Structures are given as structure tokens and as C-alpha cells.
C-alpha atoms as a PDB file:
ATOM      1  CA  MET A   1      -9.737  34.318  26.082  1.00  0.00           C
ATOM      2  CA  ARG A   2      -7.237  31.464  26.157  1.00  0.00           C
ATOM      3  CA  LYS A   3      -9.828  29.033  24.758  1.00  0.00           C
ATOM      4  CA  VAL A   4     -10.473  31.362  21.820  1.00  0.00           C
ATOM      5  CA  VAL A   5      -6.755  31.590  21.034  1.00  0.00           C
ATOM      6  CA  VAL A   6      -6.377  27.796  21.199  1.00  0.00           C
ATOM      7  CA  ALA A   7      -9.433  27.274  18.965  1.00  0.00           C
ATOM      8  CA  LEU A   8      -8.177  29.804  16.410  1.00  0.00           C
ATOM      9  CA  SER A   9      -4.757  28.138  16.450  1.00  0.00           C
ATOM     10  CA  PHE A  10      -6.340  24.795  15.542  1.00  0.00           C
ATOM     11  CA  VAL A  11      -8.324  26.408  12.720  1.00  0.00           C
ATOM     12  CA  ALA A  12      -5.188  28.084  11.352  1.00  0.00           C
ATOM     13  CA  LEU A  13      -3.200  24.854  11.588  1.00  0.00           C
ATOM     14  CA  ALA A  14      -5.937  22.887   9.811  1.00  0.00           C
ATOM     15  CA  SER A  15      -6.093  25.395   6.962  1.00  0.00           C
ATOM     16  CA  LEU A  16      -2.315  25.272   6.498  1.00  0.00           C
ATOM     17  CA  ALA A  17      -2.262  21.476   6.613  1.00  0.00           C
ATOM     18  CA  GLY A  18      -4.497  21.273   3.544  1.00  0.00           C
ATOM     19  CA  THR A  19      -2.051  23.434   1.637  1.00  0.00           C
ATOM     20  CA  VAL A  20       0.938  21.318   2.663  1.00  0.00           C
ATOM     21  CA  TRP A  21      -0.759  18.028   1.708  1.00  0.00           C
ATOM     22  CA  ALA A  22      -1.557  19.300  -1.766  1.00  0.00           C
ATOM     23  CA  HIS A  23       2.107  19.584  -2.762  1.00  0.00           C
ATOM     24  CA  PRO A  24       3.748  17.058  -5.100  1.00  0.00           C
ATOM     25  CA  GLY A  25       5.642  14.225  -3.422  1.00  0.00           C
ATOM     26  CA  HIS A  26       3.272  13.881  -0.463  1.00  0.00           C
ATOM     27  CA  GLN A  27       1.110  10.793  -0.047  1.00  0.00           C
ATOM     28  CA  HIS A  28      -2.611  11.023  -0.715  1.00  0.00           C
ATOM     29  CA  LYS A  29      -5.405   8.446  -0.294  1.00  0.00           C
ATOM     30  CA  ALA A  30      -8.373   7.648  -2.499  1.00  0.00           C
ATOM     31  CA  LEU A  31     -11.108   5.426  -1.052  1.00  0.00           C
ATOM     32  CA  GLY A  32     -13.889   4.121  -3.261  1.00  0.00           C
ATOM     33  CA  THR A  33     -14.722   1.691  -6.025  1.00  0.00           C
ATOM     34  CA  VAL A  34     -12.811   0.938  -9.189  1.00  0.00           C
ATOM     35  CA  GLY A  35     -14.571   2.607 -12.130  1.00  0.00           C
ATOM     36  CA  ALA A  36     -12.031   1.577 -14.773  1.00  0.00           C
ATOM     37  CA  VAL A  37      -8.736  -0.289 -14.767  1.00  0.00           C
ATOM     38  CA  ASP A  38      -6.078  -1.430 -17.213  1.00  0.00           C
ATOM     39  CA  ALA A  39      -2.394  -2.306 -16.944  1.00  0.00           C
ATOM     40  CA  ALA A  40      -1.291   1.344 -16.744  1.00  0.00           C
ATOM     41  CA  HIS A  41      -4.000   3.148 -14.765  1.00  0.00           C
ATOM     42  CA  ALA A  42      -7.081   2.940 -12.577  1.00  0.00           C
ATOM     43  CA  GLU A  43      -9.965   5.303 -11.929  1.00  0.00           C
ATOM     44  CA  ILE A  44     -11.392   5.359  -8.420  1.00  0.00           C
ATOM     45  CA  LYS A  45     -14.909   6.688  -7.821  1.00  0.00           C
ATOM     46  CA  THR A  46     -15.080   8.167  -4.315  1.00  0.00           C
ATOM     47  CA  LYS A  47     -18.161   8.422  -2.085  1.00  0.00           C
ATOM     48  CA  ASP A  48     -18.440  12.141  -2.782  1.00  0.00           C
ATOM     49  CA  GLY A  49     -18.768  11.506  -6.528  1.00  0.00           C
ATOM     50  CA  LYS A  50     -15.238  12.475  -7.555  1.00  0.00           C
ATOM     51  CA  THR A  51     -13.082  10.337  -9.816  1.00  0.00           C
ATOM     52  CA  VAL A  52      -9.386   9.997  -8.980  1.00  0.00           C
ATOM     53  CA  SER A  53      -7.198   8.715 -11.808  1.00  0.00           C
ATOM     54  CA  VAL A  54      -3.931   7.034 -10.827  1.00  0.00           C
ATOM     55  CA  ARG A  55      -1.120   5.505 -12.829  1.00  0.00           C
ATOM     56  CA  LEU A  56      -0.082   1.952 -12.039  1.00  0.00           C
ATOM     57  CA  ASN A  57       3.495   0.807 -12.580  1.00  0.00           C
ATOM     58  CA  ALA A  58       5.992  -1.900 -11.640  1.00  0.00           C
ATOM     59  CA  ASP A  59       6.590  -0.231  -8.249  1.00  0.00           C
ATOM     60  CA  THR A  60       2.884  -0.282  -7.269  1.00  0.00           C
ATOM     61  CA  LYS A  61       2.239  -2.777  -4.454  1.00  0.00           C
ATOM     62  CA  TYR A  62      -1.056  -4.693  -4.213  1.00  0.00           C
ATOM     63  CA  LEU A  63      -2.531  -6.219  -1.057  1.00  0.00           C
ATOM     64  CA  LYS A  64      -5.758  -8.062  -0.309  1.00  0.00           C
ATOM     65  CA  GLY A  65      -6.079  -8.029   3.446  1.00  0.00           C
ATOM     66  CA  LYS A  66      -2.577  -8.955   4.616  1.00  0.00           C
ATOM     67  CA  ALA A  67      -1.873 -11.150   1.578  1.00  0.00           C
ATOM     68  CA  VAL A  68       0.113 -10.012  -1.418  1.00  0.00           C
ATOM     69  CA  ALA A  69      -2.061  -9.526  -4.504  1.00  0.00           C
ATOM     70  CA  ALA A  70      -1.380  -8.728  -8.167  1.00  0.00           C
ATOM     71  CA  ALA A  71      -2.443  -6.003 -10.562  1.00  0.00           C
ATOM     72  CA  THR A  72      -4.682  -8.547 -12.303  1.00  0.00           C
ATOM     73  CA  ASP A  73      -6.687  -8.898  -9.066  1.00  0.00           C
ATOM     74  CA  VAL A  74      -8.043  -5.332  -9.423  1.00  0.00           C
ATOM     75  CA  LYS A  75     -11.542  -5.457 -10.959  1.00  0.00           C
ATOM     76  CA  VAL A  76     -14.154  -2.852 -11.900  1.00  0.00           C
ATOM     77  CA  GLY A  77     -16.661  -2.404  -9.071  1.00  0.00           C
ATOM     78  CA  GLN A  78     -14.228  -3.558  -6.382  1.00  0.00           C
ATOM     79  CA  ARG A  79     -13.719  -1.441  -3.250  1.00  0.00           C
ATOM     80  CA  VAL A  80     -10.165  -0.161  -2.872  1.00  0.00           C
ATOM     81  CA  ALA A  81      -7.967   2.184  -0.867  1.00  0.00           C
ATOM     82  CA  VAL A  82      -5.223   3.655  -3.045  1.00  0.00           C
ATOM     83  CA  THR A  83      -2.188   5.492  -1.708  1.00  0.00           C
ATOM     84  CA  TYR A  84      -0.625   7.722  -4.349  1.00  0.00           C
ATOM     85  CA  VAL A  85       1.862  10.553  -4.838  1.00  0.00           C
ATOM     86  CA  GLU A  86       1.932  13.295  -7.437  1.00  0.00           C
ATOM     87  CA  LYS A  87       4.898  12.982  -9.835  1.00  0.00           C
ATOM     88  CA  ASP A  88       5.284  15.097 -12.960  1.00  0.00           C
ATOM     89  CA  GLU A  89       1.690  16.341 -12.528  1.00  0.00           C
ATOM     90  CA  LYS A  90       0.369  12.740 -12.548  1.00  0.00           C
ATOM     91  CA  ASN A  91      -1.003  10.681  -9.655  1.00  0.00           C
ATOM     92  CA  VAL A  92       1.128   7.544  -9.289  1.00  0.00           C
ATOM     93  CA  ALA A  93      -0.188   4.716  -7.102  1.00  0.00           C
ATOM     94  CA  THR A  94       2.297   3.382  -4.566  1.00  0.00           C
ATOM     95  CA  GLU A  95      -0.114   0.927  -2.930  1.00  0.00           C
ATOM     96  CA  VAL A  96      -3.517  -0.533  -3.758  1.00  0.00           C
ATOM     97  CA  LEU A  97      -5.425  -2.213  -0.933  1.00  0.00           C
ATOM     98  CA  LEU A  98      -8.172  -4.433  -2.329  1.00  0.00           C
ATOM     99  CA  GLY A  99     -11.408  -4.876  -0.423  1.00  0.00           C
ATOM    100  CA  VAL A 100     -11.727  -8.257   1.228  1.00  0.00           C
ATOM    101  CA  THR A 101     -15.086  -9.885   0.575  1.00  0.00           C
ATOM    102  CA  ASP A 102     -16.784 -12.360   2.863  1.00  0.00           C
ATOM    103  CA  ALA A 103     -16.163 -16.023   2.181  1.00  0.00           C
ATOM    104  CA  PRO A 104     -18.886 -17.641   0.073  1.00  0.00           C
ATOM    105  CA  GLN A 105     -21.637 -18.999   2.239  1.00  0.00           C
ATOM    106  CA  ASP A 106     -22.635 -22.631   2.100  1.00  0.00           C
ATOM    107  CA  SER A 107     -25.734 -22.799  -0.130  1.00  0.00           C
ATOM    108  CA  LYS A 108     -27.219 -25.522   2.097  1.00  0.00           C
ATOM    109  CA  ALA A 109     -27.242 -23.133   5.040  1.00  0.00           C
ATOM    110  CA  HIS A 110     -29.963 -21.100   3.291  1.00  0.00           C
ATOM    111  CA  ASP A 111     -32.046 -24.013   2.135  1.00  0.00           C
ATOM    112  CA  HIS A 112     -35.423 -23.694   3.941  1.00  0.00           C
ATOM    113  CA  ARG A 113     -37.191 -26.830   2.806  1.00  0.00           C
END
């Protein structure tokens, strides 16, 4: 009986947590690829096929790995993780983490002559 009560408590807590996270002012994450970007906004295509549109502003921070990046480093097709909050019914990005690509490989390493 105790296991059932504990399990139901976790289910109830999980269902309430979704409601709390949906409120304005709380941080949200969008993981995916950049579908469109300009100086004021970006559209992120997630793995589940959704598109999340976020506003970019002077307070948005950009990182590539641990290094500081710039808004101009965000490119269509690039993998990103965007942290955003809802303000005035708009998603406003607070941080954009750019995917780090592998270093270019030496072309001679693949030369099989």
C-alpha cells in the first residue's frame, strides 16, 4: 500500500511541475537546430518537429563551448541549446549555447595513395 501511495505522489508532483514551469518568468530550454535567425530573433527546430521562436536582445549571452561568442556566430543549421523566459507573451532568449564542431581534420590523413 505504501508503494502505491509513493508512486501516486510522484505522478501528482510531476503533473503539477509541468503547470508550474509553463508560467511566465520561469526558464525554459529549447534544444535543436537553427531554422532561421536575424538580429532580433531565432527559430529553433526541435527533434520532435516543433519550432520555438525566441527574441534576441542586448542581454542575450552567447557561448561556444566555454568561450564567449557573438550573435553573428549563430548560423542556420547549427545545433543550439537556448535558455529563454516568457516576457509579455514573447519568448526572450537569455542564453544561446552554440554547438561545438570537431576541429577540421588534416586532409593528408585521409589520403590513401
